[in-house]
Amino acid sequence: MADLDAGAKAPDFEMAGEKGPIRLSDFAGKALVLYFYPKDDTSGCTKEAQEFSA
């Protein structure tokens, strides 16, 4: 996959969900936060992730 420039639209992708596949295109026209983090199980990432759900 090619790198994206800042501000570019994300390409459509698919991932497994609890009720079947989820695609980025399923959220077209809706607000959506895509959260990526560099490392699991670190206090900073955990706190940031919890703040999204709040």
C-alpha atoms as a PDB file:
ATOM      1  CA  MET A   1       0.000   0.000   0.000  1.00  0.00           C
ATOM      2  CA  ALA A   2       1.287   3.464  -0.853  1.00  0.00           C
ATOM      3  CA  ASP A   3       1.875   6.138   1.777  1.00  0.00           C
ATOM      4  CA  LEU A   4      -0.798   8.815   2.122  1.00  0.00           C
ATOM      5  CA  ASP A   5      -0.193  12.533   2.240  1.00  0.00           C
ATOM      6  CA  ALA A   6      -1.663  14.553   5.112  1.00  0.00           C
ATOM      7  CA  GLY A   7      -5.244  15.467   4.268  1.00  0.00           C
ATOM      8  CA  ALA A   8      -5.638  12.710   1.675  1.00  0.00           C
ATOM      9  CA  LYS A   9      -8.714  10.492   1.771  1.00  0.00           C
ATOM     10  CA  ALA A  10      -8.114   7.074   3.285  1.00  0.00           C
ATOM     11  CA  PRO A  11      -8.569   4.158   0.885  1.00  0.00           C
ATOM     12  CA  ASP A  12     -11.494   1.862   1.576  1.00  0.00           C
ATOM     13  CA  PHE A  13     -10.559  -1.135   3.711  1.00  0.00           C
ATOM     14  CA  GLU A  14     -12.311  -4.017   5.415  1.00  0.00           C
ATOM     15  CA  MET A  15     -11.823  -5.547   8.847  1.00  0.00           C
ATOM     16  CA  ALA A  16     -13.565  -8.149  10.979  1.00  0.00           C
ATOM     17  CA  GLY A  17     -16.289  -6.891  13.293  1.00  0.00           C
ATOM     18  CA  GLU A  18     -18.428  -8.577  15.936  1.00  0.00           C
ATOM     19  CA  LYS A  19     -21.377  -8.790  13.506  1.00  0.00           C
ATOM     20  CA  GLY A  20     -19.426  -9.401  10.301  1.00  0.00           C
ATOM     21  CA  PRO A  21     -17.098  -7.388   8.068  1.00  0.00           C
ATOM     22  CA  ILE A  22     -16.855  -3.614   8.542  1.00  0.00           C
ATOM     23  CA  ARG A  23     -15.727  -1.357   5.707  1.00  0.00           C
ATOM     24  CA  LEU A  24     -14.588   2.236   5.849  1.00  0.00           C
ATOM     25  CA  SER A  25     -17.139   2.973   3.125  1.00  0.00           C
ATOM     26  CA  ASP A  26     -19.902   1.907   5.576  1.00  0.00           C
ATOM     27  CA  PHE A  27     -19.315   5.241   7.336  1.00  0.00           C
ATOM     28  CA  ALA A  28     -19.460   7.520   4.271  1.00  0.00           C
ATOM     29  CA  GLY A  29     -21.027  10.852   5.216  1.00  0.00           C
ATOM     30  CA  LYS A  30     -20.708  10.161   8.975  1.00  0.00           C
ATOM     31  CA  ALA A  31     -18.195  11.388  11.530  1.00  0.00           C
ATOM     32  CA  LEU A  32     -15.582   8.722  12.252  1.00  0.00           C
ATOM     33  CA  VAL A  33     -12.395   8.573  14.294  1.00  0.00           C
ATOM     34  CA  LEU A  34      -9.714   6.171  13.086  1.00  0.00           C
ATOM     35  CA  TYR A  35      -7.351   5.600  15.974  1.00  0.00           C
ATOM     36  CA  PHE A  36      -3.920   4.136  15.288  1.00  0.00           C
ATOM     37  CA  TYR A  37      -1.309   3.641  17.950  1.00  0.00           C
ATOM     38  CA  PRO A  38       2.341   2.634  17.743  1.00  0.00           C
ATOM     39  CA  LYS A  39       2.590   0.272  20.704  1.00  0.00           C
ATOM     40  CA  ASP A  40       0.250  -1.903  22.787  1.00  0.00           C
ATOM     41  CA  ASP A  41       0.040  -1.946  26.540  1.00  0.00           C
ATOM     42  CA  THR A  42       1.638   1.409  27.258  1.00  0.00           C
ATOM     43  CA  SER A  43       0.061   3.775  29.759  1.00  0.00           C
ATOM     44  CA  GLY A  44      -0.113   6.688  27.306  1.00  0.00           C
ATOM     45  CA  CYS A  45      -1.889   4.691  24.587  1.00  0.00           C
ATOM     46  CA  THR A  46      -4.312   3.160  27.073  1.00  0.00           C
ATOM     47  CA  LYS A  47      -5.252   6.562  28.542  1.00  0.00           C
ATOM     48  CA  GLU A  48      -5.704   8.088  25.088  1.00  0.00           C
ATOM     49  CA  ALA A  49      -7.895   5.194  23.951  1.00  0.00           C
ATOM     50  CA  GLN A  50     -10.075   5.501  27.060  1.00  0.00           C
ATOM     51  CA  GLU A  51     -10.553   9.221  26.364  1.00  0.00           C
ATOM     52  CA  PHE A  52     -12.009   8.419  22.922  1.00  0.00           C
ATOM     53  CA  SER A  53     -14.759   6.307  24.469  1.00  0.00           C
ATOM     54  CA  ALA A  54     -15.575   9.052  26.997  1.00  0.00           C
END
